[in-house]
Amino acid sequence: MTQAVLQISPTTLPLSMAQSLTDVAVARAEELGIPYTITVVDGGAHVVQVTRMDGAALGSIDASLAKARTAVYFGAATTDLASSVLPGEPLFTLPTAAGVPLAFVAGAVPVKDAAGVVIGAVGAGGGTPQQDHEIAAAAAGAL
């Protein structure tokens, strides 16, 4: 009997890694005393794991996903992209032209492999944009 071999593509972010990222994010959120939703996506911006802490706002679910998706699509932290959608900037109309919700507000950080390839992102929703970025950056930085 032949055993199947798991093929991992460059955009794969395994569940075990998503769980580790989430654990770090939740621990940081608990330190801040703010209930969060943490969304981890793979390199194709597909959901790997969503964790909504008790008491986290319902809106944080969609926000954390949109932020994580944006970080993957652009390969950058969303805090670095926020000014690019202001009037007169290159991506001004993109948020309304995209076929899926994107969020150009702080709160998501891409996850890269050792070669610098984006394999996913962590999105956080629940606090201020700066706190959301802090949570996502802490998780991504723990790898």
Protein backbone atom coordinates (compact mmCIF):
# COMPACT_ATOMS: atom_id res chain seq x y z
CA MET A 1 0.00 0.00 0.00
CA THR A 2 1.36 3.39 -1.02
CA GLN A 3 1.19 6.19 1.48
CA ALA A 4 0.17 9.64 0.32
CA VAL A 5 2.76 12.37 0.65
CA LEU A 6 1.57 15.78 1.78
CA GLN A 7 2.56 18.35 -0.80
CA ILE A 8 3.23 21.76 0.71
CA SER A 9 3.21 24.62 -1.72
CA PRO A 10 5.08 27.87 -1.12
CA THR A 11 1.81 29.48 -0.05
CA THR A 12 0.94 26.86 2.56
CA LEU A 13 0.64 27.94 6.15
CA PRO A 14 -0.08 24.82 8.19
CA LEU A 15 -2.70 24.73 10.94
CA SER A 16 -0.01 24.11 13.57
CA MET A 17 1.64 27.41 12.61
CA ALA A 18 -1.72 29.20 12.58
CA GLN A 19 -2.37 27.91 16.08
CA SER A 20 1.03 29.14 17.29
CA LEU A 21 0.45 32.57 15.75
CA THR A 22 -2.99 32.75 17.32
CA ASP A 23 -1.69 31.71 20.74
CA VAL A 24 0.80 34.59 20.73
CA ALA A 25 -1.84 37.06 19.54
CA VAL A 26 -4.36 35.96 22.18
CA ALA A 27 -1.74 36.18 24.93
CA ARG A 28 -0.89 39.74 23.88
CA ALA A 29 -4.59 40.66 23.68
CA GLU A 30 -5.08 39.32 27.21
CA GLU A 31 -2.16 41.49 28.39
CA LEU A 32 -3.94 44.51 26.89
CA GLY A 33 -7.23 43.39 28.42
CA ILE A 34 -9.06 43.66 25.08
CA PRO A 35 -11.10 40.85 23.51
CA TYR A 36 -9.94 40.25 19.93
CA THR A 37 -10.67 38.27 16.84
CA ILE A 38 -7.54 36.83 15.29
CA THR A 39 -7.66 35.56 11.71
CA VAL A 40 -4.79 33.66 10.11
CA VAL A 41 -4.82 33.16 6.35
CA ASP A 42 -2.48 31.28 4.04
CA GLY A 43 -0.53 32.70 1.11
CA GLY A 44 -3.62 32.56 -1.09
CA ALA A 45 -5.56 34.59 1.50
CA HIS A 46 -7.69 31.58 2.45
CA VAL A 47 -8.71 31.22 6.08
CA VAL A 48 -6.67 28.74 8.09
CA GLN A 49 -7.95 29.70 11.55
CA VAL A 50 -10.26 32.25 13.15
CA THR A 51 -10.39 32.76 16.90
CA ARG A 52 -12.90 35.14 18.46
CA MET A 53 -12.19 35.76 22.10
CA ASP A 54 -15.15 35.99 24.47
CA GLY A 55 -16.59 39.48 24.22
CA ALA A 56 -14.90 40.44 20.96
CA ALA A 57 -17.06 42.67 18.79
CA LEU A 58 -18.88 40.94 15.95
CA GLY A 59 -17.44 43.46 13.49
CA SER A 60 -13.95 42.31 14.40
CA ILE A 61 -14.55 39.01 12.60
CA ASP A 62 -14.91 40.53 9.14
CA ALA A 63 -12.37 43.27 9.89
CA SER A 64 -9.61 40.84 10.89
CA LEU A 65 -10.18 38.77 7.74
CA ALA A 66 -10.18 41.80 5.43
CA LYS A 67 -6.97 43.06 7.03
CA ALA A 68 -5.25 39.65 6.76
CA ARG A 69 -6.31 39.32 3.12
CA THR A 70 -4.94 42.79 2.36
CA ALA A 71 -1.59 41.99 3.98
CA VAL A 72 -1.24 38.88 1.80
CA TYR A 73 -2.33 40.58 -1.41
CA PHE A 74 0.18 43.40 -0.98
CA GLY A 75 2.88 41.55 0.98
CA ALA A 76 3.00 44.33 3.55
CA ALA A 77 1.65 45.27 6.95
CA THR A 78 -1.63 47.11 6.53
CA THR A 79 -0.33 49.98 8.65
CA ASP A 80 2.16 50.64 5.82
CA LEU A 81 -0.60 50.63 3.20
CA ALA A 82 -3.11 52.98 4.85
CA SER A 83 -1.86 56.16 3.18
CA SER A 84 -1.91 54.57 -0.31
CA VAL A 85 -5.72 54.73 -0.48
CA LEU A 86 -6.04 58.42 0.37
CA PRO A 87 -7.45 60.76 -2.32
CA GLY A 88 -4.88 61.31 -5.04
CA GLU A 89 -2.79 58.26 -4.08
CA PRO A 90 -2.19 55.28 -6.40
CA LEU A 91 -4.66 52.88 -4.75
CA PHE A 92 -7.39 55.42 -3.99
CA THR A 93 -10.20 53.53 -5.75
CA LEU A 94 -9.00 50.01 -5.02
CA PRO A 95 -11.08 49.41 -1.87
CA THR A 96 -14.28 49.94 -3.86
CA ALA A 97 -13.05 48.18 -7.01
CA ALA A 98 -11.89 44.96 -5.37
CA GLY A 99 -14.12 41.91 -5.60
CA VAL A 100 -13.50 40.96 -1.98
CA PRO A 101 -13.36 43.12 1.14
CA LEU A 102 -9.95 44.68 1.76
CA ALA A 103 -8.95 46.85 4.71
CA PHE A 104 -6.25 49.48 4.44
CA VAL A 105 -6.07 50.12 8.17
CA ALA A 106 -3.49 48.92 10.69
CA GLY A 107 -4.03 45.44 12.07
CA ALA A 108 -2.47 42.80 9.84
CA VAL A 109 1.06 41.64 9.17
CA PRO A 110 2.23 39.17 6.51
CA VAL A 111 3.97 35.96 7.53
CA LYS A 112 7.02 35.14 5.44
CA ASP A 113 9.13 32.03 5.14
CA ALA A 114 12.93 31.99 5.47
CA ALA A 115 13.30 33.06 1.83
CA GLY A 116 11.03 36.08 2.34
CA VAL A 117 8.04 34.57 0.49
CA VAL A 118 4.65 35.53 1.89
CA ILE A 119 3.01 32.32 3.13
CA GLY A 120 0.16 33.96 5.01
CA ALA A 121 -0.86 36.75 7.34
CA VAL A 122 -2.23 37.47 10.78
CA GLY A 123 -5.13 39.89 11.04
CA ALA A 124 -6.37 41.33 14.33
CA GLY A 125 -9.53 43.23 15.16
CA GLY A 126 -10.80 44.51 18.46
CA GLY A 127 -8.86 47.57 19.58
CA THR A 128 -7.53 50.73 18.03
CA PRO A 129 -5.68 50.38 14.72
CA GLN A 130 -2.37 50.77 16.59
CA GLN A 131 -3.31 48.07 19.11
CA ASP A 132 -4.49 45.80 16.29
CA HIS A 133 -1.12 46.23 14.56
CA GLU A 134 0.69 45.52 17.83
CA ILE A 135 -1.21 42.23 18.25
CA ALA A 136 -0.60 41.09 14.65
CA ALA A 137 3.05 42.14 14.71
CA ALA A 138 3.66 40.31 17.99
CA ALA A 139 2.25 37.11 16.51
CA ALA A 140 4.12 37.34 13.19
CA GLY A 141 7.31 38.36 14.99
CA ALA A 142 7.19 35.31 17.26
CA LEU A 143 8.08 33.00 14.39
